[in-house]
Amino acid sequence: MKKLLLFTLTLFMAISFVQAQKFMPVFDQQWGRLTYVVKNDDSKVWGKSTSGVVGPNGMIKITLKDTASEEKYKFKIEDIKEVGISSKGGLGKVEAMTSALQSANSISEMARTDYKSVLNSDFYIYRRVVDKKGKPRMLQLLNPGFETRMQVYADPKAKESAGGLLSNMAEGMEESYYVARGNSSATYVQKKKYKKSMSSVFDDCSMILEAYKPDFSEFAAHVFYYENECK
C-alpha cells in the first residue's frame, strides 16, 4: 500500500513538474467565489467576491461579502496589498494530498517545491506593484509557487499568440508581461523584443543564458529555471 502511495505521488509530482513550468491562466473575471483580501496592515479578510472591476491597468476595485453576517466590504487598490480568488475549488482533495505528501519521506525536495505551485494554483492572485513610472497597479501573479526570486504579472493589455503545433504551444500565450524582482518596479517584457531583453531580465544568472535560447514561448520555463537553479 505504501509503495502504491509513493508511486501515485511520484507520478503526480512528475505531472506537476511539467505544470509548474507554465504560467497560471488569466483570471476569467467570474465572481461569486471564495476570496481573500490582504489589507495594508497585513490583516486578511475572507469572503465571497460579489463584484469587481479589472481594467486596462489591472484590478481597480473588488467587493466581498461575509457569508455569515452578509456584510459587504468594498476595497480599492490603495487599501490592499493582495487579492486571492478561488480558481477551481476542490480544496478537500488538496488537503488530503497534502497530508499524504507529508507522510511520504522519499519524495524529493524539488517535488515538494513543485507541489507548492499546484497548491497555490487554486487561487488567482493579484498583487499591488509599481511600474517604472511609479504608478501602482494591482496585477495578476502568473507564477505562484516559483515566484520567490522573480514575479511575473499579467499585462491586462496583452495580445495573445495563436496556439498550435506550428508555434510549439498547445494553447495561446500572452505576448507581453510585467516582471519584478523583490521590491523593484515592474519591467515590461514583450515577445518581439525578448531576444534583447532576456539578458537584462536574467542579468544575474549567466547559467540560464547558456542553458536556453531566447525563445519567448519558453519564458515560463526560463523563470522556473531561474527560481530553482540560479542562486
Protein backbone atom coordinates (compact mmCIF):
# COMPACT_ATOMS: atom_id res chain seq x y z
CA MET A 1 0.00 0.00 0.00
CA LYS A 2 2.83 2.36 0.89
CA LYS A 3 4.62 1.60 -2.39
CA LEU A 4 1.42 2.31 -4.29
CA LEU A 5 1.03 5.62 -2.45
CA LEU A 6 4.62 6.60 -3.24
CA PHE A 7 4.18 5.62 -6.89
CA THR A 8 0.98 7.68 -7.13
CA LEU A 9 2.63 10.68 -5.51
CA THR A 10 5.70 10.37 -7.71
CA LEU A 11 3.52 10.26 -10.82
CA PHE A 12 1.56 13.24 -9.51
CA MET A 13 4.83 15.13 -8.99
CA ALA A 14 6.05 14.30 -12.47
CA ILE A 15 2.88 15.78 -13.89
CA SER A 16 3.06 18.79 -11.59
CA PHE A 17 6.70 19.34 -12.61
CA VAL A 18 5.52 20.00 -16.16
CA GLN A 19 2.58 22.09 -14.95
CA ALA A 20 4.86 24.12 -12.67
CA GLN A 21 6.75 25.37 -15.72
CA LYS A 22 3.61 27.00 -17.05
CA PHE A 23 2.02 30.28 -16.05
CA MET A 24 -1.40 30.48 -14.45
CA PRO A 25 -4.21 31.30 -16.90
CA VAL A 26 -5.51 34.84 -16.79
CA PHE A 27 -8.47 35.35 -14.42
CA ASP A 28 -11.76 34.88 -16.29
CA GLN A 29 -13.48 37.56 -14.16
CA GLN A 30 -16.18 35.19 -12.91
CA TRP A 31 -17.08 36.43 -9.45
CA GLY A 32 -19.03 34.76 -6.65
CA ARG A 33 -16.04 32.72 -5.44
CA LEU A 34 -14.18 32.26 -2.20
CA THR A 35 -11.84 35.26 -1.98
CA TYR A 36 -9.36 36.80 0.43
CA VAL A 37 -8.01 40.34 0.61
CA VAL A 38 -4.78 41.34 2.38
CA LYS A 39 -5.05 44.91 3.63
CA ASN A 40 -2.20 47.40 4.03
CA ASP A 41 -1.86 46.47 7.73
CA ASP A 42 -1.37 42.80 6.67
CA SER A 43 -4.72 41.70 8.11
CA LYS A 44 -6.65 39.28 5.91
CA VAL A 45 -10.37 39.41 5.13
CA TRP A 46 -12.15 36.33 3.75
CA GLY A 47 -15.48 36.30 1.98
CA LYS A 48 -17.29 35.73 -1.28
CA SER A 49 -16.44 38.09 -4.13
CA THR A 50 -19.66 39.68 -5.37
CA SER A 51 -18.22 42.07 -7.94
CA GLY A 52 -15.01 43.66 -9.15
CA VAL A 53 -13.51 45.76 -11.89
CA VAL A 54 -10.44 44.72 -13.87
CA GLY A 55 -9.43 47.35 -16.40
CA PRO A 56 -6.53 48.08 -18.78
CA ASN A 57 -4.27 48.84 -15.82
CA GLY A 58 -5.26 45.87 -13.66
CA MET A 59 -7.77 45.38 -10.87
CA ILE A 60 -9.37 48.65 -9.79
CA LYS A 61 -11.72 47.53 -7.02
CA ILE A 62 -13.39 44.46 -5.53
CA THR A 63 -16.35 43.80 -3.22
CA LEU A 64 -16.51 40.93 -0.72
CA LYS A 65 -19.47 39.63 1.27
CA ASP A 66 -19.08 37.91 4.61
CA THR A 67 -21.02 34.67 4.12
CA ALA A 68 -22.02 34.56 7.78
CA SER A 69 -23.02 38.16 8.52
CA GLU A 70 -23.91 39.11 4.91
CA GLU A 71 -21.89 42.31 5.46
CA LYS A 72 -20.19 43.72 2.36
CA TYR A 73 -16.68 45.15 2.17
CA LYS A 74 -15.52 47.35 -0.70
CA PHE A 75 -11.81 47.71 -1.44
CA LYS A 76 -9.77 49.89 -3.79
CA ILE A 77 -6.18 49.10 -4.72
CA GLU A 78 -4.75 51.82 -2.48
CA ASP A 79 -6.28 49.98 0.51
CA ILE A 80 -4.90 46.50 -0.17
CA LYS A 81 -1.72 44.56 -0.98
CA GLU A 82 -3.06 41.29 -2.36
CA VAL A 83 -6.22 39.57 -3.53
CA GLY A 84 -6.73 35.81 -3.93
CA ILE A 85 -9.74 34.47 -5.84
CA SER A 86 -10.54 30.75 -5.86
CA SER A 87 -9.90 29.28 -9.30
CA LYS A 88 -11.28 25.73 -9.25
CA GLY A 89 -12.02 24.76 -5.68
CA GLY A 90 -11.55 21.12 -4.73
CA LEU A 91 -9.78 22.15 -1.53
CA GLY A 92 -10.75 18.92 0.22
CA LYS A 93 -8.72 16.90 -2.29
CA VAL A 94 -5.82 19.30 -1.93
CA GLU A 95 -5.80 18.90 1.86
CA ALA A 96 -5.92 15.11 1.54
CA MET A 97 -3.00 15.06 -0.88
CA THR A 98 -1.04 17.43 1.36
CA SER A 99 -1.45 15.03 4.29
CA ALA A 100 -0.32 12.07 2.17
CA LEU A 101 2.65 14.02 0.84
CA GLN A 102 3.86 14.91 4.31
CA SER A 103 3.99 11.22 5.22
CA ALA A 104 5.98 10.22 2.12
CA ASN A 105 9.55 10.93 3.12
CA SER A 106 11.07 9.54 -0.05
CA ILE A 107 9.61 12.32 -2.24
CA SER A 108 12.34 14.77 -3.16
CA GLU A 109 12.58 18.43 -2.10
CA MET A 110 12.10 19.52 -5.70
CA ALA A 111 8.87 17.55 -5.88
CA ARG A 112 7.63 19.34 -2.77
CA THR A 113 8.50 22.66 -4.38
CA ASP A 114 6.56 21.74 -7.49
CA TYR A 115 3.61 20.60 -5.39
CA LYS A 116 3.56 24.01 -3.72
CA SER A 117 2.84 25.57 -7.10
CA VAL A 118 -0.09 23.19 -7.57
CA LEU A 119 -1.50 24.24 -4.20
CA ASN A 120 -1.12 27.91 -4.99
CA SER A 121 -2.78 27.47 -8.37
CA ASP A 122 -6.10 27.06 -6.56
CA PHE A 123 -6.19 30.87 -6.38
CA TYR A 124 -5.86 33.64 -8.90
CA ILE A 125 -3.54 36.00 -7.04
CA TYR A 126 -3.37 39.76 -7.59
CA ARG A 127 -0.63 41.88 -6.01
CA ARG A 128 -0.03 45.59 -5.94
CA VAL A 129 3.09 46.51 -7.87
CA VAL A 130 4.63 49.75 -9.11
CA ASP A 131 5.61 50.29 -12.73
CA LYS A 132 8.65 52.27 -13.86
CA LYS A 133 6.63 55.49 -13.85
CA GLY A 134 5.82 54.95 -10.14
CA LYS A 135 2.19 54.14 -10.85
CA PRO A 136 0.63 51.46 -8.59
CA ARG A 137 -1.20 48.62 -10.30
CA MET A 138 -2.97 45.54 -8.99
CA LEU A 139 -1.80 42.84 -11.40
CA GLN A 140 -2.33 39.09 -11.52
CA LEU A 141 0.66 36.97 -10.46
CA LEU A 142 1.18 34.24 -13.06
CA ASN A 143 3.92 32.12 -11.45
CA PRO A 144 2.69 31.27 -7.92
CA GLY A 145 4.84 28.59 -6.34
CA PHE A 146 8.02 29.63 -8.15
CA GLU A 147 7.89 33.38 -7.58
CA THR A 148 10.25 33.92 -4.63
CA ARG A 149 13.04 35.34 -6.81
CA MET A 150 11.12 36.69 -9.80
CA GLN A 151 7.45 37.61 -10.09
CA VAL A 152 5.69 37.55 -13.46
CA TYR A 153 2.47 39.51 -13.79
CA ALA A 154 -0.19 39.53 -16.48
CA ASP A 155 -0.30 42.52 -18.79
CA PRO A 156 -4.00 43.48 -18.94
CA LYS A 157 -3.44 44.89 -22.43
CA ALA A 158 -1.53 41.88 -23.76
CA LYS A 159 -2.32 40.29 -27.08
CA GLU A 160 -2.39 36.50 -27.28
CA SER A 161 -0.37 34.36 -29.66
CA ALA A 162 -2.23 31.64 -31.51
CA GLY A 163 -1.71 28.14 -30.19
CA GLY A 164 -0.98 25.04 -32.24
CA LEU A 165 1.83 22.74 -33.33
CA LEU A 166 3.49 25.29 -35.60
CA SER A 167 4.02 27.68 -32.68
CA ASN A 168 5.16 24.82 -30.38
CA MET A 169 2.39 25.78 -27.95
CA ALA A 170 -0.72 23.74 -27.14
CA GLU A 171 -2.50 26.89 -26.03
CA GLY A 172 -2.26 30.58 -26.79
CA MET A 173 0.35 32.58 -24.90
CA GLU A 174 0.32 36.22 -23.88
CA GLU A 175 2.75 38.33 -25.90
CA SER A 176 3.77 40.62 -23.03
CA TYR A 177 4.19 40.54 -19.25
CA TYR A 178 5.35 42.64 -16.33
CA VAL A 179 8.32 41.22 -14.41
CA ALA A 180 9.65 42.23 -10.98
CA ARG A 181 12.30 41.00 -8.57
CA GLY A 182 11.76 41.65 -4.87
CA ASN A 183 10.65 45.22 -4.24
CA SER A 184 11.85 46.51 -7.60
CA SER A 185 9.50 48.20 -10.03
CA ALA A 186 7.91 46.04 -12.70
CA THR A 187 9.65 45.79 -16.08
CA TYR A 188 7.71 45.40 -19.30
CA VAL A 189 8.73 42.31 -21.32
CA GLN A 190 7.50 41.76 -24.88
CA LYS A 191 7.68 38.81 -27.23
CA LYS A 192 9.00 40.87 -30.15
CA LYS A 193 11.87 42.26 -28.04
CA TYR A 194 12.64 39.18 -25.95
CA LYS A 195 15.91 38.34 -27.68
CA LYS A 196 17.26 41.67 -26.48
CA SER A 197 15.58 41.79 -23.07
CA MET A 198 16.32 38.20 -21.93
CA SER A 199 19.89 39.11 -20.96
CA SER A 200 18.70 42.05 -18.85
CA VAL A 201 15.82 40.17 -17.21
CA PHE A 202 18.19 37.38 -16.09
CA ASP A 203 21.31 39.52 -15.80
CA ASP A 204 22.41 37.95 -12.51
CA CYS A 205 22.43 34.36 -13.79
CA SER A 206 24.73 33.53 -16.69
CA MET A 207 23.74 29.84 -16.38
CA ILE A 208 20.29 30.44 -17.83
CA LEU A 209 21.73 32.29 -20.82
CA GLU A 210 23.91 29.25 -21.52
CA ALA A 211 21.12 26.73 -20.96
CA TYR A 212 18.37 28.38 -23.02
CA LYS A 213 17.94 30.22 -26.28
CA PRO A 214 15.90 33.46 -26.19
CA ASP A 215 12.69 31.68 -27.19
CA PHE A 216 9.74 33.64 -25.77
CA SER A 217 7.46 30.58 -25.91
CA GLU A 218 9.68 29.08 -23.15
CA PHE A 219 9.61 32.15 -20.91
CA ALA A 220 7.80 30.27 -18.11
CA ALA A 221 10.48 27.54 -18.20
CA HIS A 222 13.17 30.24 -18.02
CA VAL A 223 11.56 31.70 -14.90
CA PHE A 224 11.20 28.24 -13.34
CA TYR A 225 14.89 27.50 -14.01
CA TYR A 226 15.85 30.86 -12.53
CA GLU A 227 13.89 30.07 -9.37
CA ASN A 228 15.42 26.66 -8.81
CA GLU A 229 18.92 26.79 -10.30
CA CYS A 230 20.15 30.40 -10.10
CA LYS A 231 21.31 31.26 -6.58
